[in-house]
Amino acid sequence: MSVTTRKPATVGGILTEEFLQLFGLTQAALAEAMGVPRKRVNELCDDRRTVTALILARVFGNSPDFWLNVQRRTELRTVMHSPSERVRVERAKPLAPAA
């Protein structure tokens, strides 16, 4: 299996480029469809808020897993390529197996 150094697409990037543009939606229109404030959609598009998978799946007719997988790939890459985050992971101590 080959490893890529390319950053995965983020929820905000996919939401903006693949959904808002494709459907011809504004952030305000999406916010209304989602039943949330426009600021929340803006934060999603700018990758400053985590995904609301169930709501996005309902609005766009796809699965919550789609949105969660995008978020998961982004978060894993961020941790794996950030020295400070790697230190936090390495600090964690595995628990002994339960007897």
C-alpha atoms as a PDB file:
ATOM      1  CA  MET A   1       0.000   0.000   0.000  1.00  0.00           C
ATOM      2  CA  SER A   2       1.445   3.362  -0.960  1.00  0.00           C
ATOM      3  CA  VAL A   3       1.447   6.276   1.443  1.00  0.00           C
ATOM      4  CA  THR A   4       0.593   9.711   0.123  1.00  0.00           C
ATOM      5  CA  THR A   5       1.846  12.993   1.491  1.00  0.00           C
ATOM      6  CA  ARG A   6      -1.072  14.892  -0.019  1.00  0.00           C
ATOM      7  CA  LYS A   7      -3.437  16.435   2.505  1.00  0.00           C
ATOM      8  CA  PRO A   8      -6.893  14.865   2.482  1.00  0.00           C
ATOM      9  CA  ALA A   9      -9.861  16.998   1.537  1.00  0.00           C
ATOM     10  CA  THR A  10     -11.456  18.611   4.557  1.00  0.00           C
ATOM     11  CA  VAL A  11     -15.137  18.737   5.436  1.00  0.00           C
ATOM     12  CA  GLY A  12     -15.132  22.467   4.720  1.00  0.00           C
ATOM     13  CA  GLY A  13     -13.436  22.016   1.369  1.00  0.00           C
ATOM     14  CA  ILE A  14     -15.816  19.301   0.241  1.00  0.00           C
ATOM     15  CA  LEU A  15     -18.834  21.145   1.591  1.00  0.00           C
ATOM     16  CA  THR A  16     -17.857  24.339  -0.230  1.00  0.00           C
ATOM     17  CA  GLU A  17     -16.547  22.955  -3.517  1.00  0.00           C
ATOM     18  CA  GLU A  18     -18.612  19.827  -4.007  1.00  0.00           C
ATOM     19  CA  PHE A  19     -21.927  20.696  -2.396  1.00  0.00           C
ATOM     20  CA  LEU A  20     -22.529  24.438  -2.091  1.00  0.00           C
ATOM     21  CA  GLN A  21     -21.223  25.170  -5.572  1.00  0.00           C
ATOM     22  CA  LEU A  22     -22.813  22.078  -7.122  1.00  0.00           C
ATOM     23  CA  PHE A  23     -26.233  22.850  -5.639  1.00  0.00           C
ATOM     24  CA  GLY A  24     -25.845  26.607  -6.168  1.00  0.00           C
ATOM     25  CA  LEU A  25     -26.347  27.256  -2.447  1.00  0.00           C
ATOM     26  CA  THR A  26     -25.186  30.099  -0.273  1.00  0.00           C
ATOM     27  CA  GLN A  27     -24.071  29.518   3.284  1.00  0.00           C
ATOM     28  CA  ALA A  28     -27.244  31.265   4.410  1.00  0.00           C
ATOM     29  CA  ALA A  29     -29.431  28.912   2.366  1.00  0.00           C
ATOM     30  CA  LEU A  30     -27.614  25.875   3.736  1.00  0.00           C
ATOM     31  CA  ALA A  31     -27.964  27.198   7.274  1.00  0.00           C
ATOM     32  CA  GLU A  32     -31.702  27.552   6.759  1.00  0.00           C
ATOM     33  CA  ALA A  33     -31.956  24.006   5.353  1.00  0.00           C
ATOM     34  CA  MET A  34     -29.927  22.679   8.299  1.00  0.00           C
ATOM     35  CA  GLY A  35     -31.901  24.671  10.861  1.00  0.00           C
ATOM     36  CA  VAL A  36     -28.750  26.245  12.300  1.00  0.00           C
ATOM     37  CA  PRO A  37     -27.309  29.777  12.442  1.00  0.00           C
ATOM     38  CA  ARG A  38     -25.359  30.923   9.364  1.00  0.00           C
ATOM     39  CA  LYS A  39     -22.287  31.351  11.569  1.00  0.00           C
ATOM     40  CA  ARG A  40     -22.233  27.578  12.194  1.00  0.00           C
ATOM     41  CA  VAL A  41     -22.200  26.856   8.462  1.00  0.00           C
ATOM     42  CA  ASN A  42     -19.456  29.450   7.977  1.00  0.00           C
ATOM     43  CA  GLU A  43     -17.395  27.743  10.683  1.00  0.00           C
ATOM     44  CA  LEU A  44     -17.962  24.352   9.007  1.00  0.00           C
ATOM     45  CA  CYS A  45     -16.858  25.742   5.638  1.00  0.00           C
ATOM     46  CA  ASP A  46     -13.754  27.297   7.229  1.00  0.00           C
ATOM     47  CA  ASP A  47     -12.908  24.042   9.079  1.00  0.00           C
ATOM     48  CA  ARG A  48     -13.306  25.729  12.458  1.00  0.00           C
ATOM     49  CA  ARG A  49     -16.154  23.448  13.592  1.00  0.00           C
ATOM     50  CA  THR A  50     -16.527  19.695  13.549  1.00  0.00           C
ATOM     51  CA  VAL A  51     -19.009  18.069  11.255  1.00  0.00           C
ATOM     52  CA  THR A  52     -22.699  17.625  12.020  1.00  0.00           C
ATOM     53  CA  ALA A  53     -22.900  14.345  10.104  1.00  0.00           C
ATOM     54  CA  LEU A  54     -26.536  13.434  10.666  1.00  0.00           C
ATOM     55  CA  ILE A  55     -27.794  16.870   9.656  1.00  0.00           C
ATOM     56  CA  LEU A  56     -25.564  17.162   6.579  1.00  0.00           C
ATOM     57  CA  ALA A  57     -26.523  13.631   5.515  1.00  0.00           C
ATOM     58  CA  ARG A  58     -30.212  14.471   5.801  1.00  0.00           C
ATOM     59  CA  VAL A  59     -29.868  17.748   3.885  1.00  0.00           C
ATOM     60  CA  PHE A  60     -27.785  16.330   1.033  1.00  0.00           C
ATOM     61  CA  GLY A  61     -29.241  12.810   0.941  1.00  0.00           C
ATOM     62  CA  ASN A  62     -25.998  10.958   1.575  1.00  0.00           C
ATOM     63  CA  SER A  63     -24.774   8.978   4.583  1.00  0.00           C
ATOM     64  CA  PRO A  64     -23.464  10.247   7.927  1.00  0.00           C
ATOM     65  CA  ASP A  65     -20.513   7.896   7.359  1.00  0.00           C
ATOM     66  CA  PHE A  66     -19.453   9.965   4.352  1.00  0.00           C
ATOM     67  CA  TRP A  67     -19.059  13.106   6.476  1.00  0.00           C
ATOM     68  CA  LEU A  68     -17.532  11.267   9.441  1.00  0.00           C
ATOM     69  CA  ASN A  69     -14.954   9.552   7.215  1.00  0.00           C
ATOM     70  CA  VAL A  70     -13.886  12.885   5.726  1.00  0.00           C
ATOM     71  CA  GLN A  71     -13.474  14.289   9.226  1.00  0.00           C
ATOM     72  CA  ARG A  72     -11.650  11.170  10.439  1.00  0.00           C
ATOM     73  CA  ARG A  73      -9.103  11.271   7.599  1.00  0.00           C
ATOM     74  CA  THR A  74      -8.411  14.951   8.228  1.00  0.00           C
ATOM     75  CA  GLU A  75      -7.990  14.524  11.985  1.00  0.00           C
ATOM     76  CA  LEU A  76      -5.738  11.458  11.657  1.00  0.00           C
ATOM     77  CA  ARG A  77      -3.465  13.204   9.188  1.00  0.00           C
ATOM     78  CA  THR A  78      -3.283  16.278  11.399  1.00  0.00           C
ATOM     79  CA  VAL A  79      -2.202  14.207  14.390  1.00  0.00           C
ATOM     80  CA  MET A  80       0.253  12.070  12.430  1.00  0.00           C
ATOM     81  CA  HIS A  81       1.973  15.122  10.904  1.00  0.00           C
ATOM     82  CA  SER A  82       2.070  17.366  13.972  1.00  0.00           C
ATOM     83  CA  PRO A  83       5.018  16.877  16.333  1.00  0.00           C
ATOM     84  CA  SER A  84       3.126  18.327  19.303  1.00  0.00           C
ATOM     85  CA  GLU A  85       0.144  16.051  18.690  1.00  0.00           C
ATOM     86  CA  ARG A  86       2.439  13.032  18.300  1.00  0.00           C
ATOM     87  CA  VAL A  87       3.976  13.832  21.695  1.00  0.00           C
ATOM     88  CA  ARG A  88       0.491  13.823  23.244  1.00  0.00           C
ATOM     89  CA  VAL A  89      -0.220  10.413  21.706  1.00  0.00           C
ATOM     90  CA  GLU A  90       3.113   8.973  22.834  1.00  0.00           C
ATOM     91  CA  ARG A  91       2.417  10.148  26.416  1.00  0.00           C
ATOM     92  CA  ALA A  92      -0.570   7.839  26.604  1.00  0.00           C
ATOM     93  CA  LYS A  93       0.162   4.551  28.346  1.00  0.00           C
ATOM     94  CA  PRO A  94      -1.512   1.336  27.210  1.00  0.00           C
ATOM     95  CA  LEU A  95      -3.607  -0.348  29.890  1.00  0.00           C
ATOM     96  CA  ALA A  96      -2.748  -3.880  30.981  1.00  0.00           C
ATOM     97  CA  PRO A  97      -5.170  -6.462  29.594  1.00  0.00           C
ATOM     98  CA  ALA A  98      -8.022  -7.326  31.948  1.00  0.00           C
ATOM     99  CA  ALA A  99      -7.647 -10.688  33.654  1.00  0.00           C
END
